[in-house]
Amino acid sequence: MVDHPALKSFAENRMSDFTRLIGLEFRHISTGECHLYLDIDQRHFNSTGRVHGGVVFTLLDSAMGAAAFSVLEPDEVTATVECKINYTRAVTGGTLDGRGKVVHAGTRTVVVDGEVWQDGVLVAKALGTFARI
């Protein structure tokens, strides 16, 4: 699940009050990638009975940000600079698997590919840039 002590600490201690409120769970983190899961419940729905797009984006941003963090130096942190997301399927329940994978780690930014899957079907696709701070 975790291939480095700093990442284990991150997985255990880095979740914010907001991500805990949403219900995100670490399932896997290693150098350059992260998987977070989310079991959908009533708090995640919008007024039309579908999972709110902001919930899906939060899952993606969190998985991608953790993947970016995994390639940083010990004294660095990261912040989202830009993210483009395409939603490909409405979600009405179940479990979502949010995945982030680093595609390029530069000296000032980290570019991360993100996907959300549900039962083998793509729900959302994203590409984000994260600052090295």
C-alpha atoms as a PDB file:
ATOM      1  CA  MET A   1       0.000   0.000   0.000  1.00  0.00           C
ATOM      2  CA  VAL A   2       2.672   2.527   1.016  1.00  0.00           C
ATOM      3  CA  ASP A   3       6.282   2.274  -0.194  1.00  0.00           C
ATOM      4  CA  HIS A   4       7.971   5.020   1.847  1.00  0.00           C
ATOM      5  CA  PRO A   5       7.739   6.087   5.533  1.00  0.00           C
ATOM      6  CA  ALA A   6       7.002   9.728   4.645  1.00  0.00           C
ATOM      7  CA  LEU A   7       4.106   8.582   2.447  1.00  0.00           C
ATOM      8  CA  LYS A   8       2.763   6.351   5.228  1.00  0.00           C
ATOM      9  CA  SER A   9       2.743   9.361   7.545  1.00  0.00           C
ATOM     10  CA  PHE A  10       1.065  11.424   4.811  1.00  0.00           C
ATOM     11  CA  ALA A  11      -1.651   8.811   4.324  1.00  0.00           C
ATOM     12  CA  GLU A  12      -2.262   8.595   8.064  1.00  0.00           C
ATOM     13  CA  ASN A  13      -2.104  12.287   8.951  1.00  0.00           C
ATOM     14  CA  ARG A  14      -2.615  14.488   5.902  1.00  0.00           C
ATOM     15  CA  MET A  15      -6.376  14.209   5.443  1.00  0.00           C
ATOM     16  CA  SER A  16      -7.965  17.564   6.216  1.00  0.00           C
ATOM     17  CA  ASP A  17     -11.182  18.091   8.123  1.00  0.00           C
ATOM     18  CA  PHE A  18     -12.821  18.757   4.746  1.00  0.00           C
ATOM     19  CA  THR A  19     -11.663  15.537   3.091  1.00  0.00           C
ATOM     20  CA  ARG A  20     -12.679  13.575   6.197  1.00  0.00           C
ATOM     21  CA  LEU A  21     -16.092  15.291   6.078  1.00  0.00           C
ATOM     22  CA  ILE A  22     -16.511  14.196   2.457  1.00  0.00           C
ATOM     23  CA  GLY A  23     -15.464  10.650   3.432  1.00  0.00           C
ATOM     24  CA  LEU A  24     -12.330  10.088   1.345  1.00  0.00           C
ATOM     25  CA  GLU A  25     -10.146   7.085   2.204  1.00  0.00           C
ATOM     26  CA  PHE A  26      -6.557   6.292   1.190  1.00  0.00           C
ATOM     27  CA  ARG A  27      -6.289   2.876  -0.431  1.00  0.00           C
ATOM     28  CA  HIS A  28      -2.865   3.173  -2.061  1.00  0.00           C
ATOM     29  CA  ILE A  29      -0.039   5.663  -2.210  1.00  0.00           C
ATOM     30  CA  SER A  30       3.430   5.135  -3.647  1.00  0.00           C
ATOM     31  CA  THR A  31       5.957   7.337  -5.357  1.00  0.00           C
ATOM     32  CA  GLY A  32       4.138   9.054  -8.206  1.00  0.00           C
ATOM     33  CA  GLU A  33       0.648   7.673  -7.656  1.00  0.00           C
ATOM     34  CA  CYS A  34      -2.291   7.610  -5.306  1.00  0.00           C
ATOM     35  CA  HIS A  35      -5.695   5.917  -5.121  1.00  0.00           C
ATOM     36  CA  LEU A  36      -8.464   7.297  -2.933  1.00  0.00           C
ATOM     37  CA  TYR A  37     -11.891   5.763  -2.511  1.00  0.00           C
ATOM     38  CA  LEU A  38     -15.234   7.301  -1.705  1.00  0.00           C
ATOM     39  CA  ASP A  39     -18.354   5.422  -0.657  1.00  0.00           C
ATOM     40  CA  ILE A  40     -21.258   7.546  -1.882  1.00  0.00           C
ATOM     41  CA  ASP A  41     -24.019   8.433   0.566  1.00  0.00           C
ATOM     42  CA  GLN A  42     -26.831  10.973   0.775  1.00  0.00           C
ATOM     43  CA  ARG A  43     -24.571  13.915   1.677  1.00  0.00           C
ATOM     44  CA  HIS A  44     -22.874  13.696  -1.748  1.00  0.00           C
ATOM     45  CA  PHE A  45     -26.004  14.302  -3.867  1.00  0.00           C
ATOM     46  CA  ASN A  46     -27.104  17.473  -5.618  1.00  0.00           C
ATOM     47  CA  SER A  47     -30.733  18.546  -6.001  1.00  0.00           C
ATOM     48  CA  THR A  48     -31.246  16.254  -9.040  1.00  0.00           C
ATOM     49  CA  GLY A  49     -30.295  13.071  -7.160  1.00  0.00           C
ATOM     50  CA  ARG A  50     -26.846  12.707  -8.670  1.00  0.00           C
ATOM     51  CA  VAL A  51     -23.439  13.039  -7.025  1.00  0.00           C
ATOM     52  CA  HIS A  52     -22.411  16.694  -7.061  1.00  0.00           C
ATOM     53  CA  GLY A  53     -19.599  17.474  -9.516  1.00  0.00           C
ATOM     54  CA  GLY A  54     -17.700  19.187  -6.705  1.00  0.00           C
ATOM     55  CA  VAL A  55     -17.544  15.887  -4.826  1.00  0.00           C
ATOM     56  CA  VAL A  56     -16.022  14.154  -7.848  1.00  0.00           C
ATOM     57  CA  PHE A  57     -13.603  17.058  -8.299  1.00  0.00           C
ATOM     58  CA  THR A  58     -12.621  16.912  -4.613  1.00  0.00           C
ATOM     59  CA  LEU A  59     -11.824  13.209  -5.003  1.00  0.00           C
ATOM     60  CA  LEU A  60      -9.712  13.921  -8.103  1.00  0.00           C
ATOM     61  CA  ASP A  61      -7.926  16.956  -6.678  1.00  0.00           C
ATOM     62  CA  SER A  62      -7.094  15.060  -3.487  1.00  0.00           C
ATOM     63  CA  ALA A  63      -5.771  11.954  -5.285  1.00  0.00           C
ATOM     64  CA  MET A  64      -3.799  14.062  -7.750  1.00  0.00           C
ATOM     65  CA  GLY A  65      -2.434  16.309  -5.008  1.00  0.00           C
ATOM     66  CA  ALA A  66      -1.295  13.313  -2.971  1.00  0.00           C
ATOM     67  CA  ALA A  67       0.410  11.854  -6.044  1.00  0.00           C
ATOM     68  CA  ALA A  68       2.184  15.188  -6.568  1.00  0.00           C
ATOM     69  CA  PHE A  69       3.188  15.290  -2.894  1.00  0.00           C
ATOM     70  CA  SER A  70       4.753  11.853  -3.212  1.00  0.00           C
ATOM     71  CA  VAL A  71       7.493  13.166  -5.529  1.00  0.00           C
ATOM     72  CA  LEU A  72       8.372  16.316  -3.553  1.00  0.00           C
ATOM     73  CA  GLU A  73      11.440  16.968  -1.447  1.00  0.00           C
ATOM     74  CA  PRO A  74      10.917  16.582   2.337  1.00  0.00           C
ATOM     75  CA  ASP A  75      10.727  20.367   2.895  1.00  0.00           C
ATOM     76  CA  GLU A  76       8.221  21.023   0.076  1.00  0.00           C
ATOM     77  CA  VAL A  77       4.444  21.160  -0.040  1.00  0.00           C
ATOM     78  CA  THR A  78       2.156  21.448  -3.032  1.00  0.00           C
ATOM     79  CA  ALA A  79      -0.894  23.403  -4.146  1.00  0.00           C
ATOM     80  CA  THR A  80      -3.149  23.056  -7.155  1.00  0.00           C
ATOM     81  CA  VAL A  81      -2.313  25.651  -9.801  1.00  0.00           C
ATOM     82  CA  GLU A  82      -4.669  24.450 -12.549  1.00  0.00           C
ATOM     83  CA  CYS A  83      -6.953  21.525 -13.237  1.00  0.00           C
ATOM     84  CA  LYS A  84      -9.109  20.627 -16.224  1.00  0.00           C
ATOM     85  CA  ILE A  85     -11.781  17.996 -15.699  1.00  0.00           C
ATOM     86  CA  ASN A  86     -14.170  16.176 -18.035  1.00  0.00           C
ATOM     87  CA  TYR A  87     -17.141  14.424 -16.477  1.00  0.00           C
ATOM     88  CA  THR A  88     -18.076  11.353 -18.520  1.00  0.00           C
ATOM     89  CA  ARG A  89     -20.830   9.728 -16.447  1.00  0.00           C
ATOM     90  CA  ALA A  90     -23.385  10.748 -13.833  1.00  0.00           C
ATOM     91  CA  VAL A  91     -23.066   8.921 -10.515  1.00  0.00           C
ATOM     92  CA  THR A  92     -26.039   7.961  -8.361  1.00  0.00           C
ATOM     93  CA  GLY A  93     -24.412   5.738  -5.737  1.00  0.00           C
ATOM     94  CA  GLY A  94     -21.776   3.084  -5.112  1.00  0.00           C
ATOM     95  CA  THR A  95     -18.046   3.523  -4.612  1.00  0.00           C
ATOM     96  CA  LEU A  96     -15.702   5.777  -6.563  1.00  0.00           C
ATOM     97  CA  ASP A  97     -11.998   5.089  -7.137  1.00  0.00           C
ATOM     98  CA  GLY A  98     -10.012   8.302  -7.626  1.00  0.00           C
ATOM     99  CA  ARG A  99      -6.544   7.871  -9.111  1.00  0.00           C
ATOM    100  CA  GLY A 100      -3.711  10.326  -9.528  1.00  0.00           C
ATOM    101  CA  LYS A 101      -0.510   9.570 -11.440  1.00  0.00           C
ATOM    102  CA  VAL A 102       2.422  11.918 -11.958  1.00  0.00           C
ATOM    103  CA  VAL A 103       3.312  12.402 -15.616  1.00  0.00           C
ATOM    104  CA  HIS A 104       6.039  15.001 -15.094  1.00  0.00           C
ATOM    105  CA  ALA A 105       7.844  16.275 -12.014  1.00  0.00           C
ATOM    106  CA  GLY A 106       9.680  19.484 -12.859  1.00  0.00           C
ATOM    107  CA  THR A 107      11.640  21.839 -10.665  1.00  0.00           C
ATOM    108  CA  ARG A 108       8.700  24.233 -10.125  1.00  0.00           C
ATOM    109  CA  THR A 109       5.580  22.224 -10.978  1.00  0.00           C
ATOM    110  CA  VAL A 110       4.263  18.666 -11.095  1.00  0.00           C
ATOM    111  CA  VAL A 111       1.813  17.580 -13.816  1.00  0.00           C
ATOM    112  CA  VAL A 112      -0.621  14.863 -12.758  1.00  0.00           C
ATOM    113  CA  ASP A 113      -3.148  12.772 -14.671  1.00  0.00           C
ATOM    114  CA  GLY A 114      -6.338  11.938 -12.789  1.00  0.00           C
ATOM    115  CA  GLU A 115      -9.242   9.570 -13.268  1.00  0.00           C
ATOM    116  CA  VAL A 116     -12.313   8.524 -11.330  1.00  0.00           C
ATOM    117  CA  TRP A 117     -13.657   5.025 -11.960  1.00  0.00           C
ATOM    118  CA  GLN A 118     -16.755   3.184 -10.820  1.00  0.00           C
ATOM    119  CA  ASP A 119     -17.165  -0.522 -11.486  1.00  0.00           C
ATOM    120  CA  GLY A 120     -14.761  -0.427 -14.445  1.00  0.00           C
ATOM    121  CA  VAL A 121     -16.402   2.631 -16.038  1.00  0.00           C
ATOM    122  CA  LEU A 122     -14.693   6.024 -16.343  1.00  0.00           C
ATOM    123  CA  VAL A 123     -16.599   8.735 -14.452  1.00  0.00           C
ATOM    124  CA  ALA A 124     -14.200  11.675 -14.868  1.00  0.00           C
ATOM    125  CA  LYS A 125     -10.815  12.473 -16.400  1.00  0.00           C
ATOM    126  CA  ALA A 126      -8.527  15.340 -15.386  1.00  0.00           C
ATOM    127  CA  LEU A 127      -5.114  16.838 -15.938  1.00  0.00           C
ATOM    128  CA  GLY A 128      -3.691  19.117 -13.286  1.00  0.00           C
ATOM    129  CA  THR A 129      -0.637  21.200 -12.527  1.00  0.00           C
ATOM    130  CA  PHE A 130       0.608  21.446  -8.955  1.00  0.00           C
ATOM    131  CA  ALA A 131       3.137  23.940  -7.613  1.00  0.00           C
ATOM    132  CA  ARG A 132       6.214  22.894  -5.691  1.00  0.00           C
ATOM    133  CA  ILE A 133       6.259  25.247  -2.707  1.00  0.00           C
END
